[in-house]
Amino acid sequence: MALKRPFEPLALFSMSSMTDVIFLLLIFFMVTSSFIFPSAVDVNLPSSTNQVNQRPVTEVYLDSLNRISIVEDRTDTVNLEKAYPREVPLEALGEKLGAIREADSLRTVALYADSRVEYGKVVEILDAAAKQNIKMVLATRASNASDK
């Protein structure tokens, strides 16, 4: 006696459930990923053995061509204009930092100065911040055993 199947298997495969899973995974990774704001200013930092764990949200960059750029708020994901570097002349840097301090109760500013920049230029920036009663921290990269 031959057994007969009650139905024939379908040759088609529905991909609708697979696309639902892919969209859910896409949404999951978009929500859980953090936004990274790349630094648009190329700065070769000098090395140091001491590092500060707290990262200031306001950053001043001094590149090898003595151009000064300022990032008002690195953590601001709403106003992206504040999160990207803008070039500022040295004469206007003190007033700009003072305006940021008044608006956001600024505590500390990080200065990322290229290792090839003259020390006097760094002192000028530190002096402009000190005139506005702003504490500035020099940023360095961690030194390795191969650097010594």
N, C-alpha and C. Protein backbone atom coordinates (compact mmCIF):
# COMPACT_ATOMS: atom_id res chain seq x y z
N MET A 1 0.84 -1.16 0.00
CA MET A 1 0.00 0.00 0.00
C MET A 1 0.90 1.23 0.00
N ALA A 2 0.73 2.09 -0.92
CA ALA A 2 1.54 3.30 -1.11
C ALA A 2 0.97 4.42 -0.27
N LEU A 3 1.87 5.08 0.48
CA LEU A 3 1.43 6.22 1.28
C LEU A 3 1.48 7.48 0.41
N LYS A 4 0.45 8.28 0.51
CA LYS A 4 0.36 9.49 -0.30
C LYS A 4 0.41 10.71 0.61
N ARG A 5 1.18 11.68 0.21
CA ARG A 5 1.27 12.91 0.99
C ARG A 5 0.00 13.72 0.78
N PRO A 6 -0.50 14.34 1.88
CA PRO A 6 -1.74 15.10 1.73
C PRO A 6 -1.57 16.42 0.98
N PHE A 7 -0.33 16.96 0.94
CA PHE A 7 -0.12 18.23 0.22
C PHE A 7 1.28 18.23 -0.37
N GLU A 8 1.45 19.06 -1.37
CA GLU A 8 2.73 19.19 -2.04
C GLU A 8 3.52 20.33 -1.38
N PRO A 9 4.83 20.19 -1.17
CA PRO A 9 5.62 21.29 -0.60
C PRO A 9 5.74 22.45 -1.60
N LEU A 10 5.72 23.67 -1.06
CA LEU A 10 5.82 24.85 -1.91
C LEU A 10 7.28 25.07 -2.30
N ALA A 11 7.48 25.45 -3.54
CA ALA A 11 8.82 25.72 -4.02
C ALA A 11 9.26 27.14 -3.68
N LEU A 12 8.35 27.99 -3.24
CA LEU A 12 8.66 29.38 -2.91
C LEU A 12 8.98 29.51 -1.42
N PHE A 13 9.81 30.49 -1.08
CA PHE A 13 10.19 30.74 0.31
C PHE A 13 9.88 32.20 0.61
N SER A 14 9.14 32.45 1.66
CA SER A 14 8.77 33.81 2.02
C SER A 14 9.90 34.47 2.79
N MET A 15 10.37 35.62 2.29
CA MET A 15 11.46 36.35 2.92
C MET A 15 10.96 37.48 3.81
N SER A 16 9.67 37.63 3.99
CA SER A 16 9.15 38.76 4.75
C SER A 16 9.57 38.69 6.23
N SER A 17 9.59 37.52 6.80
CA SER A 17 10.02 37.43 8.19
C SER A 17 11.51 37.71 8.34
N MET A 18 12.31 37.34 7.34
CA MET A 18 13.74 37.61 7.38
C MET A 18 14.01 39.12 7.31
N THR A 19 13.28 39.84 6.50
CA THR A 19 13.48 41.30 6.42
C THR A 19 13.04 41.96 7.73
N ASP A 20 12.03 41.44 8.39
CA ASP A 20 11.63 41.98 9.68
C ASP A 20 12.76 41.83 10.70
N VAL A 21 13.39 40.70 10.71
CA VAL A 21 14.49 40.45 11.64
C VAL A 21 15.66 41.38 11.33
N ILE A 22 15.96 41.58 10.06
CA ILE A 22 17.07 42.46 9.67
C ILE A 22 16.79 43.89 10.09
N PHE A 23 15.57 44.36 9.89
CA PHE A 23 15.22 45.73 10.30
C PHE A 23 15.28 45.88 11.83
N LEU A 24 14.86 44.87 12.56
CA LEU A 24 14.95 44.94 14.02
C LEU A 24 16.41 44.99 14.47
N LEU A 25 17.26 44.20 13.85
CA LEU A 25 18.69 44.24 14.18
C LEU A 25 19.30 45.60 13.83
N LEU A 26 18.91 46.15 12.70
CA LEU A 26 19.41 47.45 12.30
C LEU A 26 19.01 48.54 13.30
N ILE A 27 17.77 48.53 13.71
CA ILE A 27 17.31 49.51 14.69
C ILE A 27 18.02 49.30 16.03
N PHE A 28 18.21 48.05 16.43
CA PHE A 28 18.90 47.77 17.69
C PHE A 28 20.32 48.33 17.67
N PHE A 29 21.07 48.08 16.60
CA PHE A 29 22.44 48.57 16.54
C PHE A 29 22.52 50.09 16.42
N MET A 30 21.56 50.70 15.76
CA MET A 30 21.56 52.16 15.66
C MET A 30 21.28 52.80 17.02
N VAL A 31 20.39 52.21 17.79
CA VAL A 31 20.04 52.77 19.09
C VAL A 31 21.15 52.55 20.11
N THR A 32 21.79 51.40 20.07
CA THR A 32 22.80 51.08 21.09
C THR A 32 24.18 51.62 20.75
N SER A 33 24.43 52.01 19.52
CA SER A 33 25.76 52.53 19.19
C SER A 33 25.89 53.96 19.66
N SER A 34 27.09 54.34 19.99
CA SER A 34 27.35 55.71 20.43
C SER A 34 27.89 56.50 19.25
N PHE A 35 27.60 57.78 19.25
CA PHE A 35 28.09 58.64 18.19
C PHE A 35 29.50 59.08 18.52
N ILE A 36 30.37 59.00 17.54
CA ILE A 36 31.76 59.40 17.72
C ILE A 36 32.00 60.61 16.83
N PHE A 37 32.47 61.70 17.44
CA PHE A 37 32.77 62.89 16.69
C PHE A 37 34.26 62.88 16.39
N PRO A 38 34.63 62.65 15.15
CA PRO A 38 36.06 62.63 14.86
C PRO A 38 36.66 64.02 14.93
N SER A 39 37.88 64.08 15.35
CA SER A 39 38.58 65.35 15.40
C SER A 39 39.03 65.71 14.00
N ALA A 40 38.64 66.87 13.53
CA ALA A 40 38.99 67.29 12.18
C ALA A 40 40.32 68.01 12.13
N VAL A 41 40.92 68.24 13.28
CA VAL A 41 42.19 68.95 13.34
C VAL A 41 43.29 67.93 13.61
N ASP A 42 44.29 67.89 12.73
CA ASP A 42 45.38 66.93 12.88
C ASP A 42 46.42 67.52 13.82
N VAL A 43 46.52 66.93 15.02
CA VAL A 43 47.44 67.41 16.04
C VAL A 43 48.28 66.24 16.53
N ASN A 44 49.59 66.39 16.47
CA ASN A 44 50.52 65.38 16.96
C ASN A 44 50.88 65.73 18.39
N LEU A 45 50.25 65.08 19.36
CA LEU A 45 50.43 65.43 20.77
C LEU A 45 51.75 64.92 21.32
N PRO A 46 52.37 65.68 22.22
CA PRO A 46 53.56 65.16 22.89
C PRO A 46 53.17 64.09 23.89
N SER A 47 54.11 63.25 24.26
CA SER A 47 53.80 62.15 25.17
C SER A 47 54.03 62.57 26.62
N SER A 48 53.30 61.90 27.53
CA SER A 48 53.40 62.16 28.96
C SER A 48 53.08 60.89 29.72
N THR A 49 53.60 60.80 30.95
CA THR A 49 53.31 59.63 31.76
C THR A 49 52.05 59.82 32.60
N ASN A 50 51.66 61.06 32.86
CA ASN A 50 50.46 61.34 33.66
C ASN A 50 49.29 61.63 32.74
N GLN A 51 48.16 61.02 33.03
CA GLN A 51 46.95 61.23 32.24
C GLN A 51 45.80 61.57 33.16
N VAL A 52 44.90 62.42 32.68
CA VAL A 52 43.71 62.81 33.43
C VAL A 52 42.54 61.98 32.92
N ASN A 53 41.75 61.42 33.83
CA ASN A 53 40.63 60.58 33.42
C ASN A 53 39.44 61.40 32.95
N GLN A 54 39.22 62.56 33.54
CA GLN A 54 38.07 63.39 33.18
C GLN A 54 38.38 64.13 31.88
N ARG A 55 37.47 64.05 30.94
CA ARG A 55 37.66 64.69 29.65
C ARG A 55 36.81 65.95 29.57
N PRO A 56 37.45 67.12 29.42
CA PRO A 56 36.67 68.35 29.31
C PRO A 56 35.86 68.37 28.01
N VAL A 57 34.71 69.01 28.06
CA VAL A 57 33.85 69.04 26.88
C VAL A 57 34.26 70.13 25.90
N THR A 58 34.93 71.19 26.37
CA THR A 58 35.40 72.24 25.49
C THR A 58 36.87 72.01 25.18
N GLU A 59 37.21 72.07 23.88
CA GLU A 59 38.57 71.76 23.45
C GLU A 59 39.09 72.86 22.54
N VAL A 60 40.36 73.19 22.72
CA VAL A 60 41.05 74.15 21.85
C VAL A 60 42.20 73.40 21.18
N TYR A 61 42.28 73.50 19.86
CA TYR A 61 43.32 72.82 19.09
C TYR A 61 44.27 73.85 18.51
N LEU A 62 45.57 73.58 18.61
CA LEU A 62 46.60 74.40 17.98
C LEU A 62 47.41 73.46 17.10
N ASP A 63 47.25 73.58 15.78
CA ASP A 63 47.92 72.65 14.88
C ASP A 63 49.32 73.14 14.53
N SER A 64 50.03 72.39 13.71
CA SER A 64 51.42 72.70 13.39
C SER A 64 51.56 73.97 12.57
N LEU A 65 50.49 74.46 11.96
CA LEU A 65 50.52 75.71 11.19
C LEU A 65 50.07 76.90 12.03
N ASN A 66 50.02 76.73 13.36
CA ASN A 66 49.61 77.77 14.31
C ASN A 66 48.18 78.24 14.11
N ARG A 67 47.32 77.38 13.58
CA ARG A 67 45.90 77.70 13.46
C ARG A 67 45.20 77.23 14.73
N ILE A 68 44.33 78.06 15.26
CA ILE A 68 43.61 77.75 16.49
C ILE A 68 42.18 77.40 16.13
N SER A 69 41.71 76.24 16.60
CA SER A 69 40.33 75.81 16.39
C SER A 69 39.73 75.51 17.75
N ILE A 70 38.42 75.75 17.87
CA ILE A 70 37.74 75.53 19.15
C ILE A 70 36.53 74.63 18.92
N VAL A 71 36.34 73.70 19.84
CA VAL A 71 35.14 72.85 19.88
C VAL A 71 34.41 73.23 21.16
N GLU A 72 33.22 73.81 21.02
CA GLU A 72 32.50 74.31 22.19
C GLU A 72 32.02 73.20 23.11
N ASP A 73 31.41 72.16 22.54
CA ASP A 73 30.85 71.09 23.37
C ASP A 73 30.96 69.78 22.61
N ARG A 74 31.96 68.97 22.94
CA ARG A 74 32.19 67.70 22.24
C ARG A 74 31.05 66.71 22.47
N THR A 75 30.35 66.82 23.59
CA THR A 75 29.31 65.85 23.94
C THR A 75 27.93 66.24 23.42
N ASP A 76 27.79 67.41 22.80
CA ASP A 76 26.48 67.88 22.35
C ASP A 76 26.08 67.15 21.07
N THR A 77 25.04 66.30 21.16
CA THR A 77 24.56 65.58 19.98
C THR A 77 23.38 66.27 19.34
N VAL A 78 22.84 67.29 19.99
CA VAL A 78 21.70 68.01 19.44
C VAL A 78 22.18 69.13 18.52
N ASN A 79 23.05 69.98 19.00
CA ASN A 79 23.57 71.10 18.23
C ASN A 79 24.95 70.71 17.70
N LEU A 80 24.98 70.16 16.48
CA LEU A 80 26.24 69.66 15.93
C LEU A 80 27.22 70.78 15.61
N GLU A 81 26.74 72.02 15.53
CA GLU A 81 27.65 73.14 15.28
C GLU A 81 28.63 73.31 16.43
N LYS A 82 28.19 72.98 17.64
CA LYS A 82 29.07 73.09 18.81
C LYS A 82 30.04 71.92 18.92
N ALA A 83 29.75 70.82 18.22
CA ALA A 83 30.54 69.60 18.39
C ALA A 83 31.67 69.47 17.37
N TYR A 84 31.80 70.39 16.44
CA TYR A 84 32.85 70.31 15.44
C TYR A 84 33.76 71.53 15.53
N PRO A 85 35.03 71.38 15.20
CA PRO A 85 35.98 72.49 15.35
C PRO A 85 35.70 73.64 14.40
N ARG A 86 35.88 74.86 14.94
CA ARG A 86 35.79 76.07 14.13
C ARG A 86 37.05 76.88 14.38
N GLU A 87 37.62 77.41 13.30
CA GLU A 87 38.85 78.18 13.42
C GLU A 87 38.55 79.55 14.03
N VAL A 88 39.41 79.95 14.98
CA VAL A 88 39.25 81.20 15.71
C VAL A 88 40.61 81.90 15.75
N PRO A 89 40.65 83.23 15.48
CA PRO A 89 41.94 83.93 15.64
C PRO A 89 42.30 84.08 17.11
N LEU A 90 43.59 84.21 17.40
CA LEU A 90 44.06 84.30 18.78
C LEU A 90 43.46 85.50 19.50
N GLU A 91 43.26 86.60 18.80
CA GLU A 91 42.71 87.80 19.42
C GLU A 91 41.28 87.59 19.92
N ALA A 92 40.53 86.73 19.25
CA ALA A 92 39.13 86.49 19.63
C ALA A 92 38.95 85.28 20.53
N LEU A 93 40.02 84.54 20.80
CA LEU A 93 39.90 83.31 21.58
C LEU A 93 39.44 83.59 23.01
N GLY A 94 40.00 84.59 23.65
CA GLY A 94 39.62 84.91 25.03
C GLY A 94 38.15 85.28 25.15
N GLU A 95 37.67 86.12 24.24
CA GLU A 95 36.26 86.51 24.27
C GLU A 95 35.35 85.32 23.98
N LYS A 96 35.77 84.45 23.06
CA LYS A 96 34.97 83.27 22.72
C LYS A 96 34.87 82.32 23.92
N LEU A 97 35.99 82.07 24.60
CA LEU A 97 35.97 81.22 25.78
C LEU A 97 35.15 81.86 26.90
N GLY A 98 35.24 83.17 27.04
CA GLY A 98 34.44 83.86 28.05
C GLY A 98 32.95 83.74 27.77
N ALA A 99 32.57 83.83 26.49
CA ALA A 99 31.15 83.69 26.13
C ALA A 99 30.66 82.27 26.38
N ILE A 100 31.49 81.29 26.10
CA ILE A 100 31.10 79.90 26.37
C ILE A 100 30.97 79.68 27.87
N ARG A 101 31.89 80.26 28.66
CA ARG A 101 31.84 80.10 30.11
C ARG A 101 30.56 80.71 30.67
N GLU A 102 30.17 81.87 30.17
CA GLU A 102 28.95 82.53 30.65
C GLU A 102 27.71 81.71 30.29
N ALA A 103 27.70 81.11 29.11
CA ALA A 103 26.52 80.37 28.66
C ALA A 103 26.42 79.00 29.30
N ASP A 104 27.54 78.31 29.51
CA ASP A 104 27.51 76.91 29.94
C ASP A 104 28.19 76.65 31.27
N SER A 105 28.54 77.68 32.01
CA SER A 105 29.29 77.55 33.28
C SER A 105 30.48 76.62 33.09
N LEU A 106 31.36 77.01 32.19
CA LEU A 106 32.53 76.24 31.80
C LEU A 106 33.48 76.05 32.98
N ARG A 107 33.96 74.81 33.15
CA ARG A 107 34.88 74.52 34.24
C ARG A 107 36.32 74.40 33.74
N THR A 108 36.56 73.52 32.78
CA THR A 108 37.92 73.26 32.31
C THR A 108 37.92 73.16 30.79
N VAL A 109 39.00 73.64 30.19
CA VAL A 109 39.18 73.56 28.74
C VAL A 109 40.44 72.76 28.47
N ALA A 110 40.38 71.86 27.51
CA ALA A 110 41.55 71.08 27.13
C ALA A 110 42.24 71.75 25.95
N LEU A 111 43.55 71.89 26.02
CA LEU A 111 44.34 72.46 24.94
C LEU A 111 45.13 71.33 24.28
N TYR A 112 44.84 71.07 23.02
CA TYR A 112 45.54 70.07 22.23
C TYR A 112 46.52 70.81 21.32
N ALA A 113 47.77 70.92 21.73
CA ALA A 113 48.78 71.64 20.96
C ALA A 113 49.71 70.64 20.31
N ASP A 114 49.99 70.86 19.04
CA ASP A 114 50.90 70.00 18.30
C ASP A 114 52.30 70.07 18.92
N SER A 115 53.02 68.97 18.89
CA SER A 115 54.35 68.93 19.51
C SER A 115 55.36 69.79 18.77
N ARG A 116 55.08 70.18 17.53
CA ARG A 116 56.01 70.99 16.74
C ARG A 116 55.77 72.49 16.89
N VAL A 117 54.76 72.87 17.66
CA VAL A 117 54.43 74.29 17.85
C VAL A 117 55.38 74.90 18.86
N GLU A 118 55.73 76.17 18.63
CA GLU A 118 56.60 76.87 19.56
C GLU A 118 55.90 77.03 20.91
N TYR A 119 56.67 76.93 21.97
CA TYR A 119 56.13 77.01 23.32
C TYR A 119 55.48 78.36 23.60
N GLY A 120 55.99 79.40 23.00
CA GLY A 120 55.43 80.74 23.21
C GLY A 120 53.99 80.85 22.73
N LYS A 121 53.66 80.14 21.66
CA LYS A 121 52.28 80.16 21.14
C LYS A 121 51.33 79.49 22.12
N VAL A 122 51.78 78.41 22.75
CA VAL A 122 50.98 77.72 23.76
C VAL A 122 50.75 78.63 24.96
N VAL A 123 51.79 79.36 25.36
CA VAL A 123 51.67 80.27 26.50
C VAL A 123 50.69 81.40 26.18
N GLU A 124 50.67 81.88 24.94
CA GLU A 124 49.72 82.93 24.55
C GLU A 124 48.28 82.44 24.71
N ILE A 125 48.02 81.20 24.32
CA ILE A 125 46.67 80.65 24.45
C ILE A 125 46.31 80.46 25.92
N LEU A 126 47.27 79.94 26.72
CA LEU A 126 47.02 79.78 28.15
C LEU A 126 46.76 81.13 28.82
N ASP A 127 47.47 82.16 28.37
CA ASP A 127 47.29 83.49 28.92
C ASP A 127 45.92 84.06 28.56
N ALA A 128 45.47 83.83 27.32
CA ALA A 128 44.15 84.31 26.90
C ALA A 128 43.05 83.66 27.74
N ALA A 129 43.22 82.38 28.08
CA ALA A 129 42.24 81.69 28.92
C ALA A 129 42.31 82.18 30.35
N ALA A 130 43.53 82.44 30.85
CA ALA A 130 43.69 82.90 32.23
C ALA A 130 43.08 84.28 32.43
N LYS A 131 43.11 85.12 31.42
CA LYS A 131 42.49 86.45 31.52
C LYS A 131 40.98 86.35 31.68
N GLN A 132 40.38 85.26 31.22
CA GLN A 132 38.95 85.04 31.36
C GLN A 132 38.62 84.16 32.57
N ASN A 133 39.62 83.90 33.43
CA ASN A 133 39.47 83.03 34.60
C ASN A 133 39.01 81.63 34.23
N ILE A 134 39.62 81.09 33.20
CA ILE A 134 39.29 79.74 32.73
C ILE A 134 40.51 78.86 32.96
N LYS A 135 40.28 77.71 33.58
CA LYS A 135 41.34 76.74 33.83
C LYS A 135 41.54 75.91 32.56
N MET A 136 42.78 75.84 32.09
CA MET A 136 43.08 75.12 30.87
C MET A 136 44.06 74.00 31.17
N VAL A 137 43.83 72.83 30.58
CA VAL A 137 44.66 71.65 30.78
C VAL A 137 45.32 71.30 29.45
N LEU A 138 46.63 71.04 29.48
CA LEU A 138 47.33 70.62 28.27
C LEU A 138 47.10 69.13 28.05
N ALA A 139 46.64 68.77 26.87
CA ALA A 139 46.39 67.37 26.54
C ALA A 139 47.65 66.75 25.94
N THR A 140 47.93 65.52 26.34
CA THR A 140 49.07 64.77 25.81
C THR A 140 48.60 63.36 25.50
N ARG A 141 49.45 62.63 24.80
CA ARG A 141 49.13 61.21 24.58
C ARG A 141 49.96 60.39 25.55
N ALA A 142 49.46 59.23 25.90
CA ALA A 142 50.17 58.37 26.86
C ALA A 142 51.46 57.87 26.23
N SER A 143 52.53 57.89 26.99
CA SER A 143 53.81 57.42 26.47
C SER A 143 53.90 55.91 26.62
N ASN A 144 54.54 55.29 25.65
CA ASN A 144 54.78 53.84 25.69
C ASN A 144 56.23 53.60 26.09
N ALA A 145 56.53 52.36 26.35
CA ALA A 145 57.92 52.01 26.69
C ALA A 145 58.83 52.24 25.48
N SER A 146 58.28 52.15 24.27
CA SER A 146 59.08 52.34 23.06
C SER A 146 59.39 53.82 22.83
N ASP A 147 58.65 54.75 23.47
CA ASP A 147 58.90 56.17 23.31
C ASP A 147 60.13 56.63 24.05
N LYS A 148 60.55 55.88 25.07
CA LYS A 148 61.65 56.34 25.94
C LYS A 148 63.00 56.05 25.33
